[in-house]
Amino acid sequence: MLAKIVLKSQKITQVIEPISVYSDLSSFKLYTGDVGLLTMRSEVPWQSVQAGEGHALVGAITENYVAQQLASKDYPLC
């Protein structure tokens, strides 16, 4: 069983089946497995994240939340 502390997502160069063939192994994103901890460490008020208000990090936190939810349902992040 994986701890999923860090989630890795490969960059895809083309959206054609099978996606794994078009993975760019030199380019990837890392997401934290705990968006609550990320929000706390970012010092962005949770109310701002929930409301989608003007902090620069709200988009990154939202993207991390989506990645975390997909990974929790065993969807590949590619």
C-alpha atoms as a PDB file:
ATOM      1  CA  MET A   1       0.000   0.000   0.000  1.00  0.00           C
ATOM      2  CA  LEU A   2       1.300   3.439  -0.906  1.00  0.00           C
ATOM      3  CA  ALA A   3       1.246   6.274   1.616  1.00  0.00           C
ATOM      4  CA  LYS A   4       0.369   8.856  -1.089  1.00  0.00           C
ATOM      5  CA  ILE A   5       2.140  11.652   0.792  1.00  0.00           C
ATOM      6  CA  VAL A   6       3.227  13.064  -2.561  1.00  0.00           C
ATOM      7  CA  LEU A   7       1.255  12.584  -5.777  1.00  0.00           C
ATOM      8  CA  LYS A   8       3.102  12.705  -9.109  1.00  0.00           C
ATOM      9  CA  SER A   9       1.482  13.707 -12.392  1.00  0.00           C
ATOM     10  CA  GLN A  10       3.351  13.263 -15.684  1.00  0.00           C
ATOM     11  CA  LYS A  11       2.956  15.790 -18.472  1.00  0.00           C
ATOM     12  CA  ILE A  12       1.109  14.347 -21.471  1.00  0.00           C
ATOM     13  CA  THR A  13       2.229  15.568 -24.908  1.00  0.00           C
ATOM     14  CA  GLN A  14      -0.839  14.330 -26.823  1.00  0.00           C
ATOM     15  CA  VAL A  15      -4.281  13.196 -25.742  1.00  0.00           C
ATOM     16  CA  ILE A  16      -4.336   9.956 -27.709  1.00  0.00           C
ATOM     17  CA  GLU A  17      -4.827   6.409 -26.394  1.00  0.00           C
ATOM     18  CA  PRO A  18      -2.823   4.906 -24.802  1.00  0.00           C
ATOM     19  CA  ILE A  19      -1.900   8.000 -22.809  1.00  0.00           C
ATOM     20  CA  SER A  20       1.122   6.319 -21.201  1.00  0.00           C
ATOM     21  CA  VAL A  21       2.870   6.303 -24.590  1.00  0.00           C
ATOM     22  CA  TYR A  22       2.676  10.105 -24.734  1.00  0.00           C
ATOM     23  CA  SER A  23       4.022  10.780 -21.231  1.00  0.00           C
ATOM     24  CA  ASP A  24       6.907  13.236 -21.078  1.00  0.00           C
ATOM     25  CA  LEU A  25       9.041  11.592 -18.380  1.00  0.00           C
ATOM     26  CA  SER A  26      11.188  14.721 -17.955  1.00  0.00           C
ATOM     27  CA  SER A  27       8.227  16.947 -17.045  1.00  0.00           C
ATOM     28  CA  PHE A  28       5.891  16.380 -14.115  1.00  0.00           C
ATOM     29  CA  LYS A  29       4.027  18.049 -11.242  1.00  0.00           C
ATOM     30  CA  LEU A  30       4.032  17.037  -7.613  1.00  0.00           C
ATOM     31  CA  TYR A  31       0.977  17.446  -5.428  1.00  0.00           C
ATOM     32  CA  THR A  32       0.729  17.008  -1.689  1.00  0.00           C
ATOM     33  CA  GLY A  33      -1.495  14.205  -0.456  1.00  0.00           C
ATOM     34  CA  ASP A  34      -3.020  16.469   2.216  1.00  0.00           C
ATOM     35  CA  VAL A  35      -4.642  19.648   0.891  1.00  0.00           C
ATOM     36  CA  GLY A  36      -5.535  20.736   4.440  1.00  0.00           C
ATOM     37  CA  LEU A  37      -1.867  20.754   5.399  1.00  0.00           C
ATOM     38  CA  LEU A  38      -1.027  22.597   2.167  1.00  0.00           C
ATOM     39  CA  THR A  39      -3.651  25.248   2.931  1.00  0.00           C
ATOM     40  CA  MET A  40      -2.355  25.695   6.470  1.00  0.00           C
ATOM     41  CA  ARG A  41       1.275  25.992   5.317  1.00  0.00           C
ATOM     42  CA  SER A  42       0.323  28.475   2.569  1.00  0.00           C
ATOM     43  CA  GLU A  43      -1.192  30.826   5.184  1.00  0.00           C
ATOM     44  CA  VAL A  44      -4.121  31.519   2.844  1.00  0.00           C
ATOM     45  CA  PRO A  45      -7.321  31.697   4.922  1.00  0.00           C
ATOM     46  CA  TRP A  46      -9.507  28.634   4.253  1.00  0.00           C
ATOM     47  CA  GLN A  47     -12.500  30.945   3.769  1.00  0.00           C
ATOM     48  CA  SER A  48     -10.683  32.570   0.828  1.00  0.00           C
ATOM     49  CA  VAL A  49     -10.046  29.180  -0.758  1.00  0.00           C
ATOM     50  CA  GLN A  50     -13.669  28.151  -0.259  1.00  0.00           C
ATOM     51  CA  ALA A  51     -14.956  31.425  -1.735  1.00  0.00           C
ATOM     52  CA  GLY A  52     -12.398  31.406  -4.582  1.00  0.00           C
ATOM     53  CA  GLU A  53     -11.205  34.863  -3.594  1.00  0.00           C
ATOM     54  CA  GLY A  54      -8.211  36.694  -4.981  1.00  0.00           C
ATOM     55  CA  HIS A  55      -5.168  34.999  -3.477  1.00  0.00           C
ATOM     56  CA  ALA A  56      -2.612  33.867  -6.033  1.00  0.00           C
ATOM     57  CA  LEU A  57      -2.390  30.422  -4.408  1.00  0.00           C
ATOM     58  CA  VAL A  58      -6.122  29.624  -4.539  1.00  0.00           C
ATOM     59  CA  GLY A  59      -5.800  28.099  -8.024  1.00  0.00           C
ATOM     60  CA  ALA A  60      -2.847  25.943  -6.969  1.00  0.00           C
ATOM     61  CA  ILE A  61      -4.663  24.774  -3.839  1.00  0.00           C
ATOM     62  CA  THR A  62      -7.762  23.962  -5.903  1.00  0.00           C
ATOM     63  CA  GLU A  63      -5.677  22.036  -8.458  1.00  0.00           C
ATOM     64  CA  ASN A  64      -4.042  20.108  -5.608  1.00  0.00           C
ATOM     65  CA  TYR A  65      -7.478  19.323  -4.128  1.00  0.00           C
ATOM     66  CA  VAL A  66      -8.683  17.896  -7.456  1.00  0.00           C
ATOM     67  CA  ALA A  67      -5.518  15.786  -7.806  1.00  0.00           C
ATOM     68  CA  GLN A  68      -5.938  14.504  -4.252  1.00  0.00           C
ATOM     69  CA  GLN A  69      -9.577  13.560  -4.850  1.00  0.00           C
ATOM     70  CA  LEU A  70      -8.785  11.778  -8.134  1.00  0.00           C
ATOM     71  CA  ALA A  71      -5.935   9.849  -6.511  1.00  0.00           C
ATOM     72  CA  SER A  72      -8.154   8.855  -3.578  1.00  0.00           C
ATOM     73  CA  LYS A  73     -10.510   7.176  -6.088  1.00  0.00           C
ATOM     74  CA  ASP A  74      -7.537   5.440  -7.754  1.00  0.00           C
ATOM     75  CA  TYR A  75      -7.709   7.493 -10.953  1.00  0.00           C
ATOM     76  CA  PRO A  76      -4.250   7.814 -12.513  1.00  0.00           C
ATOM     77  CA  LEU A  77      -2.815  11.328 -12.586  1.00  0.00           C
ATOM     78  CA  CYS A  78      -0.773  10.247 -15.664  1.00  0.00           C
END
